[in-house]
Each structure stands twice: as C-alpha cells, then as structure tokens.
C-alpha cells in the first residue's frame, strides 16, 4: 500500500515546521530512505512566479529549509543538494528572491538550478507518450524531491504533487503543451501523469500550512489548512489532499489520468495514512473551488506569453538590477 503522512503544522514558525517535516519523513522511513551519500539531489519547489511567502502562491521558504536540513543531517547525506525550477514568469533568480527562497539557499549552500535546456527522453513505461521533452537539468539530477504547494487550480481543479512536476518542463515549452491540450481534453492531464512517472521523484512534501483557494494557482485567496502532507507516491498524496480539504477527487483530472495509466494509487481504501487520521485532519469547511476555464491556449496567447517572459527576463529584471 502507498503510505501518506499527515502532520499538523499550524504556522511557519521555523522550529514548528522543522519538527513537523521531521515527523513526516520519520513516518515514511526517514530521509536516508530517499537518497544516498553518492547522489546529487534536486529540490523542486512550486515557483510559479515571484511572490512573497504570505501570498500562498509559492512553496514557503521554511518548508524548503526543513526538508533540506533533513537530508543534510541524515545518516548518509547526499553529495550535493540543489534547488531548481522553471518559473512561468521571470527568472528563477528573481522569483526565488521574491519568494524568500534565495536566502535559505544561501544559508544552506544550495545552488540554484534554472531549467533551461529541453531534452527528448524515452518514456518506456508510458501508456500514451513514447517520449517526453524534459529539462536536462532535472533529468541529470540523481533524484528529485518534490516540494509542491497546495492550491486550487482554475484549469485542473487542484495543483499538488503531480502538477508541480510540470515545472520540470523547461521554459515556454509549457505554454506549447497548453496549446496542444486544446485539441483533446485529456491530453494535458495524461501528459502531467506521465511526466511524474518518468521523473520518478523520490519523495513529495506538500506545503499545506497555508493553501490557496478560489481562483488558484495565482489569483486565489490564502487559507490556513495547518498541515504538511508527505508521500513517496505523488498520486496518493494528491488523493489524500483532496480528502482533507473537501475537494472532489472526481473533479481532479490528474487522478483519473493516473487511474487510466496505472500510475500511483487513487483508491483511498488502498492508501495507508500515518500521523493524523483523515477524519482529524479534514477541514470543517472545504476549500473554495475555482471557476474552471479551458486548459488549451490559443496561438496568440502562446506568442504573448513567450514575449512577456522574454521581456521580463531580458529587459525588466536587468533594468531593476541597474537601478
């Protein structure tokens, strides 16, 4: 059975987060279960764009700090630990600074890794795609530790462990996936699930201390949930997250795609929960659902998105540095 740990954590106090993350990983066998001393480990947070931690738009820096320290202080710490992502808007350097993540990386000696180069990767276990194009920097990592943020999502209903790995698609290639999704409604969630399967993440630690409800993943409202949820199975983690937040698993299209492709565990009865029982973790009032919009992007939107990113990273950010 897939195991999911649910741990109470009411706020981002450094010691409280550290204790909660330690408890979650201990319930799953400890950090040493997920990395060896000879490996380079990549931590993959959710950095959609630059935003302050209190916006609940990005993974909180205390979650990054607590997870990184668990691996650094394990019995066999990895040879190298870095943090990487490919923000939709702005450079990783600027976005990580705004999100409060850069300071943690500097303190703990975690290099920033920007996902720039796409490489075509065979997908032998895939059901739908014979290959996928992934960020070379993510594929070169010895192992990936996934640090998603719990948010509602106006195109996919919820973003959690599976959706966060879409950040391992480099640059504006993500926008082209949205364009392709317009021709077949299941194209996008199937791609997300097969991406998660291909990347073989070791562990996912979901930041659900403060989540986002309503029009996520960028325009919603912060809402305290008070939980850290962790699992080696990103699909099982997302299924449990739906349950504790009162969101409908039937509406989360990545769960159906996972069931169809046979990746991960979608059946709650076959998921072992450690830590808090679901009945104690469950919110008294469900997260506010998003108003759903189409997944597919038009050609003009893809072009506009690409030009905006080029302007942010090549014009606006360099000008801000000069001033």
C-alpha atoms as a PDB file:
ATOM      1  CA  UNK A   1       0.000   0.000   0.000  1.00  0.00           C
ATOM      2  CA  UNK A   2       1.097   3.588  -0.674  1.00  0.00           C
ATOM      3  CA  UNK A   3       1.740   5.456   2.568  1.00  0.00           C
ATOM      4  CA  UNK A   4       0.898   9.119   3.132  1.00  0.00           C
ATOM      5  CA  UNK A   5       1.920  11.025   6.258  1.00  0.00           C
ATOM      6  CA  UNK A   6      -0.326  13.834   7.533  1.00  0.00           C
ATOM      7  CA  UNK A   7       1.226  16.075  10.183  1.00  0.00           C
ATOM      8  CA  UNK A   8      -0.308  19.072  11.946  1.00  0.00           C
ATOM      9  CA  UNK A   9       1.606  22.354  11.477  1.00  0.00           C
ATOM     10  CA  UNK A  10      -0.396  25.482  12.244  1.00  0.00           C
ATOM     11  CA  UNK A  11       2.087  28.126  11.087  1.00  0.00           C
ATOM     12  CA  UNK A  12       5.533  28.711   9.578  1.00  0.00           C
ATOM     13  CA  UNK A  13       7.466  29.037  12.824  1.00  0.00           C
ATOM     14  CA  UNK A  14      10.909  27.667  11.979  1.00  0.00           C
ATOM     15  CA  UNK A  15      11.067  25.093  14.768  1.00  0.00           C
ATOM     16  CA  UNK A  16       7.451  24.010  14.314  1.00  0.00           C
ATOM     17  CA  UNK A  17       7.955  23.394  10.593  1.00  0.00           C
ATOM     18  CA  UNK A  18      11.236  21.592  11.255  1.00  0.00           C
ATOM     19  CA  UNK A  19       9.587  19.260  13.770  1.00  0.00           C
ATOM     20  CA  UNK A  20       6.595  18.589  11.512  1.00  0.00           C
ATOM     21  CA  UNK A  21       8.742  17.775   8.467  1.00  0.00           C
ATOM     22  CA  UNK A  22      10.960  15.519  10.595  1.00  0.00           C
ATOM     23  CA  UNK A  23       7.883  13.690  11.877  1.00  0.00           C
ATOM     24  CA  UNK A  24       6.506  13.278   8.355  1.00  0.00           C
ATOM     25  CA  UNK A  25       9.746  11.855   6.990  1.00  0.00           C
ATOM     26  CA  UNK A  26      10.177   9.589  10.015  1.00  0.00           C
ATOM     27  CA  UNK A  27       6.707   8.166   9.335  1.00  0.00           C
ATOM     28  CA  UNK A  28       7.919   7.296   5.828  1.00  0.00           C
ATOM     29  CA  UNK A  29      11.189   5.718   6.946  1.00  0.00           C
ATOM     30  CA  UNK A  30      13.473   8.733   7.298  1.00  0.00           C
ATOM     31  CA  UNK A  31      15.350  10.933   4.828  1.00  0.00           C
ATOM     32  CA  UNK A  32      18.036   8.291   4.285  1.00  0.00           C
ATOM     33  CA  UNK A  33      15.383   6.138   2.580  1.00  0.00           C
ATOM     34  CA  UNK A  34      15.144   8.626  -0.271  1.00  0.00           C
ATOM     35  CA  UNK A  35      18.774   9.473  -1.099  1.00  0.00           C
ATOM     36  CA  UNK A  36      22.274   8.061  -0.732  1.00  0.00           C
ATOM     37  CA  UNK A  37      25.630   9.660   0.042  1.00  0.00           C
ATOM     38  CA  UNK A  38      26.848   9.278  -3.548  1.00  0.00           C
ATOM     39  CA  UNK A  39      23.977  11.187  -5.159  1.00  0.00           C
ATOM     40  CA  UNK A  40      23.108  14.729  -6.158  1.00  0.00           C
ATOM     41  CA  UNK A  41      19.570  15.585  -5.042  1.00  0.00           C
ATOM     42  CA  UNK A  42      17.401  18.300  -6.569  1.00  0.00           C
ATOM     43  CA  UNK A  43      14.682  20.017  -4.507  1.00  0.00           C
ATOM     44  CA  UNK A  44      11.799  21.145  -6.754  1.00  0.00           C
ATOM     45  CA  UNK A  45       9.502  23.731  -5.105  1.00  0.00           C
ATOM     46  CA  UNK A  46       6.495  25.453  -6.665  1.00  0.00           C
ATOM     47  CA  UNK A  47       7.701  28.811  -8.033  1.00  0.00           C
ATOM     48  CA  UNK A  48       5.032  29.885 -10.493  1.00  0.00           C
ATOM     49  CA  UNK A  49       6.320  33.456 -10.377  1.00  0.00           C
ATOM     50  CA  UNK A  50       7.873  35.887  -7.932  1.00  0.00           C
ATOM     51  CA  UNK A  51       5.572  36.491  -4.960  1.00  0.00           C
ATOM     52  CA  UNK A  52       6.044  36.957  -1.193  1.00  0.00           C
ATOM     53  CA  UNK A  53       5.613  33.884   1.034  1.00  0.00           C
ATOM     54  CA  UNK A  54       2.408  35.227   2.621  1.00  0.00           C
ATOM     55  CA  UNK A  55       0.672  35.190  -0.785  1.00  0.00           C
ATOM     56  CA  UNK A  56       0.475  31.361  -0.597  1.00  0.00           C
ATOM     57  CA  UNK A  57       1.491  31.314  -4.262  1.00  0.00           C
ATOM     58  CA  UNK A  58       4.854  29.579  -3.843  1.00  0.00           C
ATOM     59  CA  UNK A  59       6.328  26.922  -1.587  1.00  0.00           C
ATOM     60  CA  UNK A  60       7.198  28.594   1.710  1.00  0.00           C
ATOM     61  CA  UNK A  61      10.924  29.033   2.459  1.00  0.00           C
ATOM     62  CA  UNK A  62      10.590  27.273   5.835  1.00  0.00           C
ATOM     63  CA  UNK A  63       9.401  24.113   4.062  1.00  0.00           C
ATOM     64  CA  UNK A  64      12.481  24.262   1.820  1.00  0.00           C
ATOM     65  CA  UNK A  65      14.723  24.827   4.828  1.00  0.00           C
ATOM     66  CA  UNK A  66      13.251  21.973   6.871  1.00  0.00           C
ATOM     67  CA  UNK A  67      13.401  19.422   4.044  1.00  0.00           C
ATOM     68  CA  UNK A  68      16.934  20.400   3.007  1.00  0.00           C
ATOM     69  CA  UNK A  69      18.154  20.092   6.597  1.00  0.00           C
ATOM     70  CA  UNK A  70      16.581  16.672   6.964  1.00  0.00           C
ATOM     71  CA  UNK A  71      18.721  15.451   4.069  1.00  0.00           C
ATOM     72  CA  UNK A  72      21.829  17.350   5.118  1.00  0.00           C
ATOM     73  CA  UNK A  73      21.605  15.877   8.622  1.00  0.00           C
ATOM     74  CA  UNK A  74      20.677  12.335   7.599  1.00  0.00           C
ATOM     75  CA  UNK A  75      22.935   9.357   8.374  1.00  0.00           C
ATOM     76  CA  UNK A  76      24.217   9.429   4.772  1.00  0.00           C
ATOM     77  CA  UNK A  77      23.732  12.978   3.440  1.00  0.00           C
ATOM     78  CA  UNK A  78      23.685  13.366  -0.361  1.00  0.00           C
ATOM     79  CA  UNK A  79      26.899  14.540  -2.002  1.00  0.00           C
ATOM     80  CA  UNK A  80      25.130  17.665  -3.234  1.00  0.00           C
ATOM     81  CA  UNK A  81      21.695  19.241  -2.734  1.00  0.00           C
ATOM     82  CA  UNK A  82      20.411  21.961  -5.065  1.00  0.00           C
ATOM     83  CA  UNK A  83      17.124  23.761  -5.739  1.00  0.00           C
ATOM     84  CA  UNK A  84      15.697  24.124  -9.223  1.00  0.00           C
ATOM     85  CA  UNK A  85      12.620  25.211 -11.157  1.00  0.00           C
ATOM     86  CA  UNK A  86      11.424  26.962 -14.304  1.00  0.00           C
ATOM     87  CA  UNK A  87       9.020  29.795 -13.338  1.00  0.00           C
ATOM     88  CA  UNK A  88       6.279  30.716 -15.791  1.00  0.00           C
ATOM     89  CA  UNK A  89       7.066  34.412 -15.294  1.00  0.00           C
ATOM     90  CA  UNK A  90      10.526  35.813 -14.616  1.00  0.00           C
ATOM     91  CA  UNK A  91      13.894  34.211 -13.958  1.00  0.00           C
ATOM     92  CA  UNK A  92      14.483  31.686 -11.200  1.00  0.00           C
ATOM     93  CA  UNK A  93      16.936  34.051  -9.508  1.00  0.00           C
ATOM     94  CA  UNK A  94      14.455  36.944  -9.316  1.00  0.00           C
ATOM     95  CA  UNK A  95      11.450  34.772  -8.431  1.00  0.00           C
ATOM     96  CA  UNK A  96      13.305  32.867  -5.705  1.00  0.00           C
ATOM     97  CA  UNK A  97      14.431  36.163  -4.205  1.00  0.00           C
ATOM     98  CA  UNK A  98      10.866  37.500  -4.077  1.00  0.00           C
ATOM     99  CA  UNK A  99       9.577  34.238  -2.622  1.00  0.00           C
ATOM    100  CA  UNK A 100      12.129  34.269   0.192  1.00  0.00           C
ATOM    101  CA  UNK A 101      13.765  31.072  -1.061  1.00  0.00           C
ATOM    102  CA  UNK A 102      17.121  32.557  -2.098  1.00  0.00           C
ATOM    103  CA  UNK A 103      18.071  33.393   1.469  1.00  0.00           C
ATOM    104  CA  UNK A 104      17.512  29.791   2.557  1.00  0.00           C
ATOM    105  CA  UNK A 105      19.571  28.520  -0.389  1.00  0.00           C
ATOM    106  CA  UNK A 106      22.445  30.854   0.511  1.00  0.00           C
ATOM    107  CA  UNK A 107      22.287  29.887   4.184  1.00  0.00           C
ATOM    108  CA  UNK A 108      22.306  26.146   3.497  1.00  0.00           C
ATOM    109  CA  UNK A 109      24.634  26.185   0.481  1.00  0.00           C
ATOM    110  CA  UNK A 110      22.037  25.065  -2.075  1.00  0.00           C
ATOM    111  CA  UNK A 111      22.923  26.103  -5.648  1.00  0.00           C
ATOM    112  CA  UNK A 112      20.082  27.477  -7.784  1.00  0.00           C
ATOM    113  CA  UNK A 113      19.485  25.429 -10.931  1.00  0.00           C
ATOM    114  CA  UNK A 114      17.477  27.056 -13.713  1.00  0.00           C
ATOM    115  CA  UNK A 115      15.757  24.606 -16.062  1.00  0.00           C
ATOM    116  CA  UNK A 116      16.730  25.910 -19.491  1.00  0.00           C
ATOM    117  CA  UNK A 117      17.538  23.105 -21.916  1.00  0.00           C
ATOM    118  CA  UNK A 118      14.924  20.601 -23.068  1.00  0.00           C
ATOM    119  CA  UNK A 119      15.972  17.059 -23.964  1.00  0.00           C
ATOM    120  CA  UNK A 120      13.893  14.363 -25.621  1.00  0.00           C
ATOM    121  CA  UNK A 121      13.640  11.458 -23.180  1.00  0.00           C
ATOM    122  CA  UNK A 122      12.326   7.939 -23.984  1.00  0.00           C
ATOM    123  CA  UNK A 123       9.257   7.054 -21.929  1.00  0.00           C
ATOM    124  CA  UNK A 124       9.315   3.220 -21.887  1.00  0.00           C
ATOM    125  CA  UNK A 125       6.705   2.868 -19.138  1.00  0.00           C
ATOM    126  CA  UNK A 126       4.392   5.385 -20.744  1.00  0.00           C
ATOM    127  CA  UNK A 127       0.920   4.418 -21.878  1.00  0.00           C
ATOM    128  CA  UNK A 128       0.266   7.459 -24.072  1.00  0.00           C
ATOM    129  CA  UNK A 129       3.628   9.066 -24.945  1.00  0.00           C
ATOM    130  CA  UNK A 130       6.646   7.233 -26.371  1.00  0.00           C
ATOM    131  CA  UNK A 131       8.874  10.130 -25.303  1.00  0.00           C
ATOM    132  CA  UNK A 132       8.647  13.424 -23.436  1.00  0.00           C
ATOM    133  CA  UNK A 133      10.819  16.533 -23.550  1.00  0.00           C
ATOM    134  CA  UNK A 134      12.122  17.312 -20.078  1.00  0.00           C
ATOM    135  CA  UNK A 135      14.551  19.845 -18.636  1.00  0.00           C
ATOM    136  CA  UNK A 136      18.037  18.397 -18.950  1.00  0.00           C
ATOM    137  CA  UNK A 137      18.919  19.800 -15.531  1.00  0.00           C
ATOM    138  CA  UNK A 138      16.102  17.801 -13.910  1.00  0.00           C
ATOM    139  CA  UNK A 139      16.980  14.611 -15.771  1.00  0.00           C
ATOM    140  CA  UNK A 140      20.640  14.938 -14.781  1.00  0.00           C
ATOM    141  CA  UNK A 141      19.789  15.037 -11.069  1.00  0.00           C
ATOM    142  CA  UNK A 142      20.419  11.854  -9.133  1.00  0.00           C
ATOM    143  CA  UNK A 143      16.996  12.137  -7.537  1.00  0.00           C
ATOM    144  CA  UNK A 144      14.200  14.698  -7.245  1.00  0.00           C
ATOM    145  CA  UNK A 145      12.484  15.723  -4.018  1.00  0.00           C
ATOM    146  CA  UNK A 146       9.179  17.378  -4.878  1.00  0.00           C
ATOM    147  CA  UNK A 147       8.033  20.343  -2.735  1.00  0.00           C
ATOM    148  CA  UNK A 148       4.591  21.340  -4.064  1.00  0.00           C
ATOM    149  CA  UNK A 149       2.213  23.992  -2.729  1.00  0.00           C
ATOM    150  CA  UNK A 150      -1.442  23.122  -2.129  1.00  0.00           C
ATOM    151  CA  UNK A 151      -3.593  25.376  -4.313  1.00  0.00           C
ATOM    152  CA  UNK A 152      -6.844  25.194  -6.207  1.00  0.00           C
ATOM    153  CA  UNK A 153      -6.326  25.468  -9.964  1.00  0.00           C
ATOM    154  CA  UNK A 154      -8.703  27.048 -12.457  1.00  0.00           C
ATOM    155  CA  UNK A 155      -7.705  24.636 -15.245  1.00  0.00           C
ATOM    156  CA  UNK A 156      -7.046  21.369 -13.404  1.00  0.00           C
ATOM    157  CA  UNK A 157      -9.114  21.935 -10.223  1.00  0.00           C
ATOM    158  CA  UNK A 158      -6.173  21.443  -7.816  1.00  0.00           C
ATOM    159  CA  UNK A 159      -2.396  21.597  -8.019  1.00  0.00           C
ATOM    160  CA  UNK A 160      -0.381  19.380  -5.733  1.00  0.00           C
ATOM    161  CA  UNK A 161       2.360  16.796  -6.102  1.00  0.00           C
ATOM    162  CA  UNK A 162       1.664  15.648  -9.679  1.00  0.00           C
ATOM    163  CA  UNK A 163       1.060  19.072 -11.220  1.00  0.00           C
ATOM    164  CA  UNK A 164       4.147  20.621  -9.570  1.00  0.00           C
ATOM    165  CA  UNK A 165       6.383  18.376 -11.653  1.00  0.00           C
ATOM    166  CA  UNK A 166       5.232  20.185 -14.797  1.00  0.00           C
ATOM    167  CA  UNK A 167       7.846  22.726 -13.706  1.00  0.00           C
ATOM    168  CA  UNK A 168      10.449  20.213 -14.923  1.00  0.00           C
ATOM    169  CA  UNK A 169       9.419  21.108 -18.468  1.00  0.00           C
ATOM    170  CA  UNK A 170      11.845  23.871 -19.409  1.00  0.00           C
ATOM    171  CA  UNK A 171      10.834  27.431 -20.193  1.00  0.00           C
ATOM    172  CA  UNK A 172       7.963  28.282 -22.516  1.00  0.00           C
ATOM    173  CA  UNK A 173       7.658  24.705 -23.732  1.00  0.00           C
ATOM    174  CA  UNK A 174       4.985  24.553 -21.024  1.00  0.00           C
ATOM    175  CA  UNK A 175       2.862  27.052 -22.965  1.00  0.00           C
ATOM    176  CA  UNK A 176       3.052  24.860 -26.063  1.00  0.00           C
ATOM    177  CA  UNK A 177       1.764  21.912 -24.045  1.00  0.00           C
ATOM    178  CA  UNK A 178      -1.241  24.077 -23.180  1.00  0.00           C
ATOM    179  CA  UNK A 179      -1.708  24.827 -26.870  1.00  0.00           C
ATOM    180  CA  UNK A 180      -1.648  21.123 -27.741  1.00  0.00           C
ATOM    181  CA  UNK A 181      -4.164  20.431 -24.966  1.00  0.00           C
ATOM    182  CA  UNK A 182      -6.789  22.435 -26.850  1.00  0.00           C
ATOM    183  CA  UNK A 183      -7.224  19.632 -29.375  1.00  0.00           C
ATOM    184  CA  UNK A 184      -8.011  16.836 -26.883  1.00  0.00           C
ATOM    185  CA  UNK A 185      -9.394  17.445 -23.401  1.00  0.00           C
ATOM    186  CA  UNK A 186      -7.470  14.583 -21.740  1.00  0.00           C
ATOM    187  CA  UNK A 187      -4.161  15.377 -23.440  1.00  0.00           C
ATOM    188  CA  UNK A 188      -2.870  17.629 -20.695  1.00  0.00           C
ATOM    189  CA  UNK A 189      -3.639  15.585 -17.538  1.00  0.00           C
ATOM    190  CA  UNK A 190      -2.281  12.438 -19.220  1.00  0.00           C
ATOM    191  CA  UNK A 191       0.918  14.315 -20.041  1.00  0.00           C
ATOM    192  CA  UNK A 192       1.229  15.504 -16.427  1.00  0.00           C
ATOM    193  CA  UNK A 193       0.875  11.999 -15.044  1.00  0.00           C
ATOM    194  CA  UNK A 194       3.353  10.524 -17.496  1.00  0.00           C
ATOM    195  CA  UNK A 195       5.788  13.328 -16.669  1.00  0.00           C
ATOM    196  CA  UNK A 196       5.511  12.411 -12.983  1.00  0.00           C
ATOM    197  CA  UNK A 197       6.046   8.743 -13.793  1.00  0.00           C
ATOM    198  CA  UNK A 198       9.079   9.468 -15.965  1.00  0.00           C
ATOM    199  CA  UNK A 199      10.766  11.699 -13.383  1.00  0.00           C
ATOM    200  CA  UNK A 200      10.472   9.037 -10.649  1.00  0.00           C
ATOM    201  CA  UNK A 201      10.546  11.529  -7.790  1.00  0.00           C
ATOM    202  CA  UNK A 202      11.766  10.011  -4.533  1.00  0.00           C
ATOM    203  CA  UNK A 203       9.506  11.975  -2.196  1.00  0.00           C
ATOM    204  CA  UNK A 204       6.875  14.709  -2.213  1.00  0.00           C
ATOM    205  CA  UNK A 205       6.370  17.049   0.746  1.00  0.00           C
ATOM    206  CA  UNK A 206       3.257  19.201   0.290  1.00  0.00           C
ATOM    207  CA  UNK A 207       3.157  22.667   1.821  1.00  0.00           C
ATOM    208  CA  UNK A 208      -0.437  22.836   3.082  1.00  0.00           C
ATOM    209  CA  UNK A 209       0.233  25.016   6.119  1.00  0.00           C
ATOM    210  CA  UNK A 210      -1.329  27.871   4.205  1.00  0.00           C
ATOM    211  CA  UNK A 211      -3.011  26.920   0.939  1.00  0.00           C
ATOM    212  CA  UNK A 212      -4.762  28.866  -1.810  1.00  0.00           C
ATOM    213  CA  UNK A 213      -8.488  28.581  -2.504  1.00  0.00           C
ATOM    214  CA  UNK A 214     -10.713  30.068  -5.197  1.00  0.00           C
ATOM    215  CA  UNK A 215      -9.072  31.176  -8.430  1.00  0.00           C
ATOM    216  CA  UNK A 216      -5.715  29.487  -7.993  1.00  0.00           C
ATOM    217  CA  UNK A 217      -2.978  28.920  -8.893  1.00  0.00           C
ATOM    218  CA  UNK A 218      -2.189  32.660  -8.938  1.00  0.00           C
ATOM    219  CA  UNK A 219      -5.347  34.704  -8.265  1.00  0.00           C
ATOM    220  CA  UNK A 220      -6.836  32.835  -5.311  1.00  0.00           C
ATOM    221  CA  UNK A 221      -7.096  33.629  -1.618  1.00  0.00           C
ATOM    222  CA  UNK A 222      -4.700  32.333   1.083  1.00  0.00           C
ATOM    223  CA  UNK A 223      -6.358  29.931   3.531  1.00  0.00           C
ATOM    224  CA  UNK A 224      -4.811  28.254   6.550  1.00  0.00           C
ATOM    225  CA  UNK A 225      -5.048  24.468   6.377  1.00  0.00           C
ATOM    226  CA  UNK A 226      -2.389  23.732   9.007  1.00  0.00           C
ATOM    227  CA  UNK A 227      -0.940  20.557   7.511  1.00  0.00           C
ATOM    228  CA  UNK A 228       2.182  19.074   5.969  1.00  0.00           C
ATOM    229  CA  UNK A 229       1.466  16.007   3.835  1.00  0.00           C
ATOM    230  CA  UNK A 230       4.216  13.736   2.515  1.00  0.00           C
ATOM    231  CA  UNK A 231       4.489  10.562   0.457  1.00  0.00           C
ATOM    232  CA  UNK A 232       6.722   8.697  -1.967  1.00  0.00           C
ATOM    233  CA  UNK A 233       3.599   8.341  -4.167  1.00  0.00           C
ATOM    234  CA  UNK A 234       2.571  11.736  -5.608  1.00  0.00           C
ATOM    235  CA  UNK A 235      -0.789  10.399  -6.802  1.00  0.00           C
ATOM    236  CA  UNK A 236      -1.713   9.025  -3.384  1.00  0.00           C
ATOM    237  CA  UNK A 237      -0.658  12.318  -1.815  1.00  0.00           C
ATOM    238  CA  UNK A 238      -2.983  14.271  -4.119  1.00  0.00           C
ATOM    239  CA  UNK A 239      -5.843  11.867  -3.388  1.00  0.00           C
ATOM    240  CA  UNK A 240      -5.423  12.379   0.370  1.00  0.00           C
ATOM    241  CA  UNK A 241      -5.107  16.156  -0.121  1.00  0.00           C
ATOM    242  CA  UNK A 242      -8.496  16.157  -1.854  1.00  0.00           C
ATOM    243  CA  UNK A 243      -9.992  14.262   1.046  1.00  0.00           C
ATOM    244  CA  UNK A 244      -8.713  16.503   3.828  1.00  0.00           C
ATOM    245  CA  UNK A 245      -9.579  19.743   2.006  1.00  0.00           C
ATOM    246  CA  UNK A 246     -13.070  18.677   0.982  1.00  0.00           C
ATOM    247  CA  UNK A 247     -12.287  18.948  -2.728  1.00  0.00           C
ATOM    248  CA  UNK A 248     -13.892  16.376  -5.022  1.00  0.00           C
ATOM    249  CA  UNK A 249     -11.409  13.746  -6.273  1.00  0.00           C
ATOM    250  CA  UNK A 250     -13.713  13.109  -9.255  1.00  0.00           C
ATOM    251  CA  UNK A 251     -13.005  16.641 -10.468  1.00  0.00           C
ATOM    252  CA  UNK A 252      -9.211  16.340 -10.250  1.00  0.00           C
ATOM    253  CA  UNK A 253      -8.385  15.179 -13.773  1.00  0.00           C
ATOM    254  CA  UNK A 254      -4.866  14.041 -12.964  1.00  0.00           C
ATOM    255  CA  UNK A 255      -6.338  11.407 -10.612  1.00  0.00           C
ATOM    256  CA  UNK A 256      -8.419   9.951 -13.424  1.00  0.00           C
ATOM    257  CA  UNK A 257      -5.393  10.066 -15.750  1.00  0.00           C
ATOM    258  CA  UNK A 258      -3.349   8.252 -13.095  1.00  0.00           C
ATOM    259  CA  UNK A 259      -6.036   5.578 -12.761  1.00  0.00           C
ATOM    260  CA  UNK A 260      -6.178   5.078 -16.529  1.00  0.00           C
ATOM    261  CA  UNK A 261      -2.392   4.802 -16.887  1.00  0.00           C
ATOM    262  CA  UNK A 262      -1.925   2.695 -13.738  1.00  0.00           C
ATOM    263  CA  UNK A 263       0.471   5.109 -12.078  1.00  0.00           C
ATOM    264  CA  UNK A 264       0.229   5.649  -8.336  1.00  0.00           C
ATOM    265  CA  UNK A 265      -2.672   4.866  -6.026  1.00  0.00           C
ATOM    266  CA  UNK A 266      -6.018   6.613  -6.471  1.00  0.00           C
ATOM    267  CA  UNK A 267      -8.127   4.342  -4.233  1.00  0.00           C
ATOM    268  CA  UNK A 268      -8.333   5.836  -0.745  1.00  0.00           C
ATOM    269  CA  UNK A 269      -9.020   2.404   0.750  1.00  0.00           C
ATOM    270  CA  UNK A 270      -5.623   1.254  -0.520  1.00  0.00           C
ATOM    271  CA  UNK A 271      -3.676   4.173   0.946  1.00  0.00           C
ATOM    272  CA  UNK A 272      -2.141   3.810   4.398  1.00  0.00           C
ATOM    273  CA  UNK A 273      -2.272   7.058   6.366  1.00  0.00           C
ATOM    274  CA  UNK A 274       0.332   7.771   9.054  1.00  0.00           C
ATOM    275  CA  UNK A 275       0.243  10.592  11.591  1.00  0.00           C
ATOM    276  CA  UNK A 276      -3.112  12.334  11.788  1.00  0.00           C
ATOM    277  CA  UNK A 277      -6.141  10.269  10.723  1.00  0.00           C
ATOM    278  CA  UNK A 278      -8.032  11.844   7.821  1.00  0.00           C
ATOM    279  CA  UNK A 279     -11.088  12.481   9.996  1.00  0.00           C
ATOM    280  CA  UNK A 280      -8.981  14.650  12.344  1.00  0.00           C
ATOM    281  CA  UNK A 281      -7.131  16.438   9.547  1.00  0.00           C
ATOM    282  CA  UNK A 282     -10.226  17.208   7.467  1.00  0.00           C
ATOM    283  CA  UNK A 283     -11.256  20.857   7.201  1.00  0.00           C
ATOM    284  CA  UNK A 284     -14.575  21.822   8.752  1.00  0.00           C
ATOM    285  CA  UNK A 285     -15.230  23.978   5.688  1.00  0.00           C
ATOM    286  CA  UNK A 286     -13.939  22.778   2.294  1.00  0.00           C
ATOM    287  CA  UNK A 287     -11.600  24.898   0.230  1.00  0.00           C
ATOM    288  CA  UNK A 288     -13.497  27.205  -2.136  1.00  0.00           C
ATOM    289  CA  UNK A 289     -13.488  25.609  -5.584  1.00  0.00           C
ATOM    290  CA  UNK A 290     -12.177  27.512  -8.612  1.00  0.00           C
ATOM    291  CA  UNK A 291     -14.262  28.640 -11.563  1.00  0.00           C
ATOM    292  CA  UNK A 292     -12.915  26.381 -14.271  1.00  0.00           C
ATOM    293  CA  UNK A 293     -11.549  27.667 -17.582  1.00  0.00           C
ATOM    294  CA  UNK A 294     -10.250  25.732 -20.626  1.00  0.00           C
ATOM    295  CA  UNK A 295      -6.768  24.198 -20.435  1.00  0.00           C
ATOM    296  CA  UNK A 296      -5.887  24.905 -24.055  1.00  0.00           C
ATOM    297  CA  UNK A 297      -4.039  28.071 -25.118  1.00  0.00           C
ATOM    298  CA  UNK A 298      -4.547  29.777 -28.490  1.00  0.00           C
ATOM    299  CA  UNK A 299      -1.595  30.578 -30.739  1.00  0.00           C
ATOM    300  CA  UNK A 300      -1.834  34.321 -29.914  1.00  0.00           C
ATOM    301  CA  UNK A 301      -1.780  33.524 -26.202  1.00  0.00           C
ATOM    302  CA  UNK A 302       1.305  31.318 -26.586  1.00  0.00           C
ATOM    303  CA  UNK A 303       3.101  34.060 -28.529  1.00  0.00           C
ATOM    304  CA  UNK A 304       2.057  36.727 -25.995  1.00  0.00           C
ATOM    305  CA  UNK A 305       3.183  34.517 -23.110  1.00  0.00           C
ATOM    306  CA  UNK A 306       6.555  33.880 -24.741  1.00  0.00           C
ATOM    307  CA  UNK A 307       7.163  37.555 -25.482  1.00  0.00           C
ATOM    308  CA  UNK A 308       6.188  38.543 -21.923  1.00  0.00           C
ATOM    309  CA  UNK A 309       8.691  36.095 -20.464  1.00  0.00           C
ATOM    310  CA  UNK A 310      11.425  37.361 -22.767  1.00  0.00           C
ATOM    311  CA  UNK A 311      10.676  40.954 -21.711  1.00  0.00           C
ATOM    312  CA  UNK A 312      10.710  40.085 -18.007  1.00  0.00           C
ATOM    313  CA  UNK A 313      13.994  38.193 -18.071  1.00  0.00           C
ATOM    314  CA  UNK A 314      15.908  40.211 -20.690  1.00  0.00           C
ATOM    315  CA  UNK A 315      14.647  43.759 -20.145  1.00  0.00           C
ATOM    316  CA  UNK A 316      12.788  44.371 -16.892  1.00  0.00           C
ATOM    317  CA  UNK A 317      14.935  42.334 -14.498  1.00  0.00           C
ATOM    318  CA  UNK A 318      18.286  43.668 -15.851  1.00  0.00           C
ATOM    319  CA  UNK A 319      16.911  47.239 -15.584  1.00  0.00           C
ATOM    320  CA  UNK A 320      15.831  46.628 -11.979  1.00  0.00           C
ATOM    321  CA  UNK A 321      19.336  45.433 -11.135  1.00  0.00           C
ATOM    322  CA  UNK A 322      20.879  48.553 -12.616  1.00  0.00           C
ATOM    323  CA  UNK A 323      18.523  50.891 -10.751  1.00  0.00           C
END
